[in-house]
Each structure stands twice: as structure tokens, then as C-alpha cells.
Amino acid sequence: MKLTPNRSLQNHPLAGWSLAGPAIFLITLFLIVPFILAFTLSFTNQRLISPNPTEWVGTRNFKQLLGVGTLVLQPETDEAGALVRDAKGELSYPRVR
């Protein structure tokens, strides 16, 4: 008895796509879409729970992130305006923390 191929899902040309389709959809939904949203929202001032409207700030977020900030501390002075020195004779500065 000779077996003849019948029309089944195995022989259908779209069988692979019908099996891979849900996986491709889920990967797109949970990996690619959040990546694109995060990249787009990085150019705004969006906050999670904020009543303020979202504004487009461009690259200002990246300038602040990658910029170098300096803190200039003035030495402490007494009531007369003279500089305060410690026991070693070095200038005394206010505590930062």
C-alpha cells in the first residue's frame, strides 16, 4: 500500500510562519516596543506620577547626565570676616554632608 501525501499543515508553505508568528509578536511587544519607548522618552522630561505635562527637552537630559559639575566651597569665616583656621593652620571648610 502506497501512502500519498495529503494536504496537511506540514506541507503548507506558511506552516513555519504560523508557528513563529506568535513568538515574533511577543518578542516585539515585550522587548522591542519598550526599547523604542525608552529611547523616545529619554528626550522628554516625563515623570511616572506627575501632574505636569510632558515637554520635549531634546539632549538636555544627556548633557546633564554626562556633564561635569563642580561644587565650589568658600572657607568658613568668623563674625569679623576673617578666615577660620584649624589647629594645623589650614583653612576650615563647611561640611558638605
C-alpha atoms as a PDB file:
ATOM      1  CA  MET A   1       0.000   0.000   0.000  1.00  0.00           C
ATOM      2  CA  LYS A   2       1.472   3.305  -1.111  1.00  0.00           C
ATOM      3  CA  LEU A   3       0.935   6.387   1.044  1.00  0.00           C
ATOM      4  CA  THR A   4       0.032   9.546  -0.816  1.00  0.00           C
ATOM      5  CA  PRO A   5       0.841  12.914   0.691  1.00  0.00           C
ATOM      6  CA  ASN A   6      -2.283  14.668   1.816  1.00  0.00           C
ATOM      7  CA  ARG A   7      -2.850  18.381   2.292  1.00  0.00           C
ATOM      8  CA  SER A   8      -1.823  18.948   5.907  1.00  0.00           C
ATOM      9  CA  LEU A   9      -0.155  21.687   7.917  1.00  0.00           C
ATOM     10  CA  GLN A  10       3.244  20.052   7.453  1.00  0.00           C
ATOM     11  CA  ASN A  11       3.099  20.519   3.721  1.00  0.00           C
ATOM     12  CA  HIS A  12       1.669  24.028   3.788  1.00  0.00           C
ATOM     13  CA  PRO A  13       4.135  26.756   2.759  1.00  0.00           C
ATOM     14  CA  LEU A  14       3.079  29.065   5.621  1.00  0.00           C
ATOM     15  CA  ALA A  15       3.384  26.426   8.351  1.00  0.00           C
ATOM     16  CA  GLY A  16       6.625  27.864   9.721  1.00  0.00           C
ATOM     17  CA  TRP A  17       5.303  31.408   9.810  1.00  0.00           C
ATOM     18  CA  SER A  18       2.118  30.343  11.544  1.00  0.00           C
ATOM     19  CA  LEU A  19       4.173  28.739  14.314  1.00  0.00           C
ATOM     20  CA  ALA A  20       6.764  31.528  14.585  1.00  0.00           C
ATOM     21  CA  GLY A  21       4.219  34.361  14.334  1.00  0.00           C
ATOM     22  CA  PRO A  22       3.076  34.400  17.976  1.00  0.00           C
ATOM     23  CA  ALA A  23       6.680  34.249  19.197  1.00  0.00           C
ATOM     24  CA  ILE A  24       7.708  37.121  16.920  1.00  0.00           C
ATOM     25  CA  PHE A  25       4.701  39.134  18.089  1.00  0.00           C
ATOM     26  CA  LEU A  26       5.508  38.591  21.783  1.00  0.00           C
ATOM     27  CA  ILE A  27       9.201  39.391  21.340  1.00  0.00           C
ATOM     28  CA  THR A  28       8.247  42.596  19.550  1.00  0.00           C
ATOM     29  CA  LEU A  29       5.672  43.507  22.190  1.00  0.00           C
ATOM     30  CA  PHE A  30       7.830  42.897  25.267  1.00  0.00           C
ATOM     31  CA  LEU A  31      11.358  43.709  24.034  1.00  0.00           C
ATOM     32  CA  ILE A  32      11.394  45.989  21.021  1.00  0.00           C
ATOM     33  CA  VAL A  33       8.464  48.295  21.855  1.00  0.00           C
ATOM     34  CA  PRO A  34       9.739  49.154  25.392  1.00  0.00           C
ATOM     35  CA  PHE A  35      13.203  49.828  23.984  1.00  0.00           C
ATOM     36  CA  ILE A  36      11.794  52.266  21.415  1.00  0.00           C
ATOM     37  CA  LEU A  37       9.591  53.951  24.051  1.00  0.00           C
ATOM     38  CA  ALA A  38      12.518  54.322  26.457  1.00  0.00           C
ATOM     39  CA  PHE A  39      14.691  55.850  23.747  1.00  0.00           C
ATOM     40  CA  THR A  40      11.924  58.277  22.747  1.00  0.00           C
ATOM     41  CA  LEU A  41      11.034  59.241  26.321  1.00  0.00           C
ATOM     42  CA  SER A  42      14.693  59.895  27.170  1.00  0.00           C
ATOM     43  CA  PHE A  43      14.364  63.117  25.175  1.00  0.00           C
ATOM     44  CA  THR A  44      11.465  64.368  27.355  1.00  0.00           C
ATOM     45  CA  ASN A  45      11.032  65.356  30.988  1.00  0.00           C
ATOM     46  CA  GLN A  46       8.384  62.665  31.589  1.00  0.00           C
ATOM     47  CA  ARG A  47       7.899  61.548  35.206  1.00  0.00           C
ATOM     48  CA  LEU A  48       5.970  58.473  36.326  1.00  0.00           C
ATOM     49  CA  ILE A  49       3.381  60.189  38.515  1.00  0.00           C
ATOM     50  CA  SER A  50       3.398  63.883  37.764  1.00  0.00           C
ATOM     51  CA  PRO A  51       0.584  66.315  37.080  1.00  0.00           C
ATOM     52  CA  ASN A  52       2.899  68.412  34.919  1.00  0.00           C
ATOM     53  CA  PRO A  53       2.617  67.954  31.150  1.00  0.00           C
ATOM     54  CA  THR A  54       5.445  66.260  29.306  1.00  0.00           C
ATOM     55  CA  GLU A  55       7.820  68.589  27.480  1.00  0.00           C
ATOM     56  CA  TRP A  56      10.370  67.806  24.782  1.00  0.00           C
ATOM     57  CA  VAL A  57      13.796  68.696  26.221  1.00  0.00           C
ATOM     58  CA  GLY A  58      15.988  67.210  23.498  1.00  0.00           C
ATOM     59  CA  THR A  59      19.513  66.378  24.559  1.00  0.00           C
ATOM     60  CA  ARG A  60      19.376  68.409  27.802  1.00  0.00           C
ATOM     61  CA  ASN A  61      18.988  65.174  29.813  1.00  0.00           C
ATOM     62  CA  PHE A  62      22.160  63.748  28.269  1.00  0.00           C
ATOM     63  CA  LYS A  63      24.115  66.970  28.809  1.00  0.00           C
ATOM     64  CA  GLN A  64      23.158  66.872  32.484  1.00  0.00           C
ATOM     65  CA  LEU A  65      23.983  63.170  32.763  1.00  0.00           C
ATOM     66  CA  LEU A  66      27.369  63.391  31.047  1.00  0.00           C
ATOM     67  CA  GLY A  67      28.341  66.871  32.236  1.00  0.00           C
ATOM     68  CA  VAL A  68      30.876  67.502  34.936  1.00  0.00           C
ATOM     69  CA  GLY A  69      29.547  69.522  37.836  1.00  0.00           C
ATOM     70  CA  THR A  70      31.790  71.276  40.332  1.00  0.00           C
ATOM     71  CA  LEU A  71      30.995  72.390  43.828  1.00  0.00           C
ATOM     72  CA  VAL A  72      32.847  75.489  44.959  1.00  0.00           C
ATOM     73  CA  LEU A  73      33.194  75.754  48.733  1.00  0.00           C
ATOM     74  CA  GLN A  74      34.149  79.031  50.322  1.00  0.00           C
ATOM     75  CA  PRO A  75      36.244  78.757  53.501  1.00  0.00           C
ATOM     76  CA  GLU A  76      34.469  79.479  56.778  1.00  0.00           C
ATOM     77  CA  THR A  77      34.701  82.978  58.208  1.00  0.00           C
ATOM     78  CA  ASP A  78      34.121  84.312  61.687  1.00  0.00           C
ATOM     79  CA  GLU A  79      31.933  87.276  62.672  1.00  0.00           C
ATOM     80  CA  ALA A  80      34.669  89.760  61.787  1.00  0.00           C
ATOM     81  CA  GLY A  81      35.054  88.251  58.289  1.00  0.00           C
ATOM     82  CA  ALA A  82      38.458  86.677  58.969  1.00  0.00           C
ATOM     83  CA  LEU A  83      39.150  83.183  57.673  1.00  0.00           C
ATOM     84  CA  VAL A  84      38.826  80.400  60.244  1.00  0.00           C
ATOM     85  CA  ARG A  85      41.852  78.116  60.573  1.00  0.00           C
ATOM     86  CA  ASP A  86      42.170  74.795  62.377  1.00  0.00           C
ATOM     87  CA  ALA A  87      44.918  73.727  64.827  1.00  0.00           C
ATOM     88  CA  LYS A  88      47.349  72.975  61.971  1.00  0.00           C
ATOM     89  CA  GLY A  89      46.811  76.407  60.425  1.00  0.00           C
ATOM     90  CA  GLU A  90      44.845  75.115  57.447  1.00  0.00           C
ATOM     91  CA  LEU A  91      41.637  76.747  56.264  1.00  0.00           C
ATOM     92  CA  SER A  92      38.423  75.315  57.637  1.00  0.00           C
ATOM     93  CA  TYR A  93      35.653  74.481  55.160  1.00  0.00           C
ATOM     94  CA  PRO A  94      31.988  73.728  55.887  1.00  0.00           C
ATOM     95  CA  ARG A  95      30.959  70.083  55.902  1.00  0.00           C
ATOM     96  CA  VAL A  96      29.313  69.002  52.644  1.00  0.00           C
ATOM     97  CA  ARG A  97      27.329  66.182  54.248  1.00  0.00           C
END
